[in-house]
Amino acid sequence: MVKQAAIAVGKLLALYLAIPFLWVDLVLMYTAIPRFLFIERAFVLSVLLVVLGAAAISIRLGSKLPMLFAVLCLTYSSVFLVAPLYSVALVGLLIVAAAIHFVHANRVTKPLLAPIPMVAGAWIFLTLIYLPSSLCWANYATDRMGYFASAIEGIGSLKVQSIQALIVVPLLVMYFLAKKGHIRLLVWARSLRPNLSLHRTLRDKAAHRR
C-alpha cells in the first residue's frame, strides 16, 4: 500500500514538473500552424507520395494497417490546416488524458489514447513532407527556380523542418508513459543484466574443474 502511494506521488510530481514544458509545447504547436499555408497541388502530391509508400509497405507486410494508419493521419492533417485552434485544443486534451492514464489507468481515458499516434503522424506529415513539398512547388510555380533546383531546395529545408517536427515529441512521450512503456523498458533493461545465478554456477563449475 505504501509502495503504491509512493509511486502515485512520484508520478504526480513528475507531471507537475512537466506541465511548463507541455504548455510551451502546445503554444509552439499553435504558433507553427499558421505557417502551413495550403497549396492544393503540393498537398495532393504529398498525399499521393504517402499513400504510395503506405501501399507498398502494406503489400510487403501483407497487412492493411499501414495503409489505414496513413489514411487516418492524412485525414487529420487537414484539421491542422482548417481549424488550428481546435486541433491544438484536441492535442491538449489528449495530453491530459494520457497524463491521467499514466497516474491511474482507467476505462474512460483508455479510448482517448488511440488517436495520439494518428495526430502525431499528421503533424509529422505536415512538417516533414507537406511543407518541403509546398516550398518546392512554390519555387517552381513562381519561376524562381527550375524543377531540380526547387526539389533540392525542398529537400534542404528538412534540416529546419525536422526541428519543427520535434514539437510532437512531448505528446508521444505522454503516450509512451500512458501505455506503460517505461515499465516494459525497465523489464527489457533488466533482461540485459547478466544472470547472477548462472554466473555463480559457471564459476563453481570452473572452480570444481580446477
Protein backbone atom coordinates (compact mmCIF):
# COMPACT_ATOMS: atom_id res chain seq x y z
CA MET A 1 0.00 0.00 0.00
CA VAL A 2 2.79 2.40 0.97
CA LYS A 3 4.73 1.49 -2.17
CA GLN A 4 1.73 2.17 -4.41
CA ALA A 5 1.13 5.52 -2.71
CA ALA A 6 4.79 6.46 -3.18
CA ILE A 7 4.63 5.53 -6.87
CA ALA A 8 1.47 7.61 -7.34
CA VAL A 9 3.06 10.62 -5.61
CA GLY A 10 6.15 10.23 -7.78
CA LYS A 11 4.03 10.19 -10.93
CA LEU A 12 2.14 13.30 -9.84
CA LEU A 13 5.40 15.09 -9.06
CA ALA A 14 6.80 14.17 -12.48
CA LEU A 15 3.69 15.51 -14.19
CA TYR A 16 3.81 18.71 -12.11
CA LEU A 17 7.39 19.33 -13.24
CA ALA A 18 6.44 18.55 -16.86
CA ILE A 19 3.47 20.96 -17.01
CA PRO A 20 5.53 24.03 -18.07
CA PHE A 21 7.20 22.07 -20.88
CA LEU A 22 3.87 20.67 -22.11
CA TRP A 23 2.27 24.12 -22.07
CA VAL A 24 5.16 25.66 -24.01
CA ASP A 25 4.94 22.78 -26.47
CA LEU A 26 1.25 23.48 -27.14
CA VAL A 27 1.99 27.18 -27.66
CA LEU A 28 4.77 26.33 -30.11
CA MET A 29 2.46 23.98 -31.97
CA TYR A 30 -0.23 26.62 -32.33
CA THR A 31 2.18 29.34 -33.45
CA ALA A 32 3.73 26.97 -36.00
CA ILE A 33 0.45 26.00 -37.66
CA PRO A 34 -0.11 29.35 -39.48
CA ARG A 35 2.99 28.53 -41.50
CA PHE A 36 1.05 25.65 -43.04
CA LEU A 37 -0.24 27.66 -46.00
CA PHE A 38 -2.49 25.43 -48.05
CA ILE A 39 -1.15 24.84 -51.55
CA GLU A 40 -3.52 22.41 -53.21
CA ARG A 41 -1.15 20.79 -55.69
CA ALA A 42 1.63 20.42 -53.15
CA PHE A 43 -0.81 18.87 -50.68
CA VAL A 44 -2.16 16.43 -53.29
CA LEU A 45 1.34 15.42 -54.34
CA SER A 46 2.35 14.91 -50.70
CA VAL A 47 -0.73 12.79 -50.04
CA LEU A 48 -0.04 10.66 -53.13
CA LEU A 49 3.54 10.16 -52.02
CA VAL A 50 2.47 8.94 -48.58
CA VAL A 51 -0.33 6.75 -49.95
CA LEU A 52 2.02 5.07 -52.41
CA GLY A 53 4.59 4.48 -49.67
CA ALA A 54 1.96 3.11 -47.28
CA ALA A 55 0.53 0.88 -50.03
CA ALA A 56 3.98 -0.55 -50.73
CA ILE A 57 4.52 -1.26 -47.03
CA SER A 58 1.06 -2.85 -46.73
CA ILE A 59 1.74 -5.12 -49.69
CA ARG A 60 5.17 -6.03 -48.34
CA LEU A 61 3.82 -6.87 -44.88
CA GLY A 62 0.56 -8.34 -46.12
CA SER A 63 -1.40 -6.11 -43.75
CA LYS A 64 -3.87 -3.27 -44.23
CA LEU A 65 -2.81 -1.49 -41.04
CA PRO A 66 -0.03 0.69 -42.56
CA MET A 67 -2.41 1.90 -45.25
CA LEU A 68 -5.21 2.53 -42.74
CA PHE A 69 -2.88 4.41 -40.41
CA ALA A 70 -1.61 6.57 -43.27
CA VAL A 71 -5.15 7.45 -44.36
CA LEU A 72 -6.12 8.43 -40.80
CA CYS A 73 -3.01 10.60 -40.42
CA LEU A 74 -3.63 12.30 -43.75
CA THR A 75 -7.25 12.93 -42.84
CA TYR A 76 -6.39 14.57 -39.55
CA SER A 77 -3.66 16.69 -41.15
CA SER A 78 -6.42 18.68 -42.84
CA VAL A 79 -7.80 19.55 -39.40
CA PHE A 80 -4.48 21.22 -38.51
CA LEU A 81 -4.82 23.32 -41.64
CA VAL A 82 -8.54 24.16 -41.46
CA ALA A 83 -9.08 24.51 -37.70
CA PRO A 84 -5.70 25.05 -35.97
CA LEU A 85 -7.17 26.22 -32.67
CA TYR A 86 -9.43 23.18 -32.31
CA SER A 87 -6.70 20.81 -33.42
CA VAL A 88 -4.27 22.11 -30.79
CA ALA A 89 -7.06 22.00 -28.19
CA LEU A 90 -7.52 18.34 -29.06
CA VAL A 91 -3.80 17.75 -28.62
CA GLY A 92 -4.05 19.35 -25.16
CA LEU A 93 -7.00 17.11 -24.31
CA LEU A 94 -5.06 14.03 -25.41
CA ILE A 95 -2.07 15.06 -23.29
CA VAL A 96 -4.34 15.45 -20.25
CA ALA A 97 -5.96 12.07 -20.93
CA ALA A 98 -2.55 10.42 -21.28
CA ALA A 99 -1.38 12.06 -18.04
CA ILE A 100 -4.44 10.79 -16.15
CA HIS A 101 -3.98 7.31 -17.59
CA PHE A 102 -0.32 7.40 -16.61
CA VAL A 103 -1.24 8.09 -12.98
CA HIS A 104 -4.24 5.75 -12.91
CA ALA A 105 -5.21 3.52 -15.82
CA ASN A 106 -8.99 3.54 -16.33
CA ARG A 107 -11.62 2.80 -18.96
CA VAL A 108 -12.55 6.44 -19.51
CA THR A 109 -9.16 7.70 -20.68
CA LYS A 110 -8.05 4.48 -22.42
CA PRO A 111 -10.02 5.15 -25.66
CA LEU A 112 -8.51 8.65 -25.81
CA LEU A 113 -5.04 7.16 -26.21
CA ALA A 114 -5.87 5.63 -29.59
CA PRO A 115 -5.90 8.92 -31.60
CA ILE A 116 -2.48 10.03 -30.31
CA PRO A 117 -0.36 8.14 -32.90
CA MET A 118 -2.69 9.41 -35.64
CA VAL A 119 -2.34 13.05 -34.51
CA ALA A 120 1.43 12.66 -34.22
CA GLY A 121 1.56 11.13 -37.68
CA ALA A 122 -0.45 14.03 -39.10
CA TRP A 123 1.97 16.55 -37.60
CA ILE A 124 4.99 14.67 -38.93
CA PHE A 125 3.37 14.52 -42.38
CA LEU A 126 2.81 18.27 -42.42
CA THR A 127 6.28 19.20 -41.20
CA LEU A 128 8.46 16.66 -42.99
CA ILE A 129 6.55 16.01 -46.21
CA TYR A 130 3.96 18.69 -46.98
CA LEU A 131 6.00 21.78 -46.04
CA PRO A 132 9.10 20.78 -48.06
CA SER A 133 6.78 19.87 -50.96
CA SER A 134 4.98 23.21 -50.75
CA LEU A 135 8.29 25.08 -50.73
CA CYS A 136 9.44 23.09 -53.74
CA TRP A 137 6.20 23.76 -55.62
CA ALA A 138 6.12 27.46 -54.72
CA ASN A 139 9.64 27.99 -56.05
CA TYR A 140 8.85 26.11 -59.24
CA ALA A 141 5.41 27.69 -59.84
CA THR A 142 6.76 31.24 -59.45
CA ASP A 143 9.67 30.53 -61.81
CA ARG A 144 12.15 31.32 -59.08
CA MET A 145 13.93 28.01 -59.65
CA GLY A 146 13.92 25.14 -62.08
CA TYR A 147 12.37 21.79 -61.28
CA PHE A 148 15.51 20.11 -59.94
CA ALA A 149 16.70 23.21 -58.07
CA SER A 150 13.27 23.50 -56.43
CA ALA A 151 13.40 19.84 -55.41
CA ILE A 152 16.86 20.30 -53.88
CA GLU A 153 15.64 23.40 -52.03
CA GLY A 154 12.68 21.44 -50.64
CA ILE A 155 14.88 18.57 -49.51
CA GLY A 156 17.31 21.01 -47.94
CA SER A 157 14.51 22.54 -45.85
CA LEU A 158 14.21 19.22 -43.99
CA LYS A 159 17.02 20.37 -41.70
CA VAL A 160 14.81 23.16 -40.40
CA GLN A 161 11.53 21.24 -40.58
CA SER A 162 12.96 18.35 -38.57
CA ILE A 163 13.25 20.73 -35.62
CA GLN A 164 9.62 21.73 -36.05
CA ALA A 165 8.63 18.07 -36.21
CA LEU A 166 10.12 17.59 -32.72
CA ILE A 167 7.25 19.64 -31.28
CA VAL A 168 5.20 16.44 -31.28
CA VAL A 169 7.71 14.57 -29.08
CA PRO A 170 6.10 15.52 -25.70
CA LEU A 171 2.77 14.12 -26.92
CA LEU A 172 4.46 10.86 -27.91
CA VAL A 173 6.29 10.71 -24.57
CA MET A 174 2.99 11.05 -22.72
CA TYR A 175 1.56 8.29 -24.90
CA PHE A 176 4.59 6.12 -24.12
CA LEU A 177 4.12 6.66 -20.38
CA ALA A 178 0.36 6.11 -20.51
CA LYS A 179 0.87 2.80 -22.33
CA LYS A 180 3.26 1.72 -19.55
CA GLY A 181 6.14 1.75 -21.98
CA HIS A 182 8.53 2.79 -19.23
CA ILE A 183 7.76 -0.45 -17.39
CA ARG A 184 8.48 -2.52 -20.48
CA LEU A 185 11.68 -0.55 -20.96
CA LEU A 186 12.80 -1.32 -17.41
CA VAL A 187 11.99 -5.01 -17.86
CA TRP A 188 13.99 -5.05 -21.08
CA ALA A 189 16.91 -3.26 -19.42
CA ARG A 190 16.91 -5.77 -16.56
CA SER A 191 16.90 -8.64 -19.03
CA LEU A 192 20.20 -7.34 -20.37
CA ARG A 193 21.83 -7.72 -16.97
CA PRO A 194 23.86 -10.90 -16.51
CA ASN A 195 22.10 -13.69 -14.66
CA LEU A 196 23.86 -13.81 -11.30
CA SER A 197 22.79 -17.36 -10.50
CA LEU A 198 24.07 -18.55 -13.87
CA HIS A 199 27.30 -16.68 -13.28
CA ARG A 200 27.75 -18.40 -9.89
CA THR A 201 27.03 -21.81 -11.42
CA LEU A 202 29.62 -21.30 -14.15
CA ARG A 203 32.12 -20.05 -11.61
CA ASP A 204 31.54 -23.08 -9.35
CA LYS A 205 31.95 -25.45 -12.28
CA ALA A 206 35.17 -23.76 -13.28
CA ALA A 207 36.48 -23.99 -9.68
CA HIS A 208 35.47 -27.66 -9.50
CA ARG A 209 37.38 -28.49 -12.67
CA ARG A 210 40.49 -26.95 -11.23
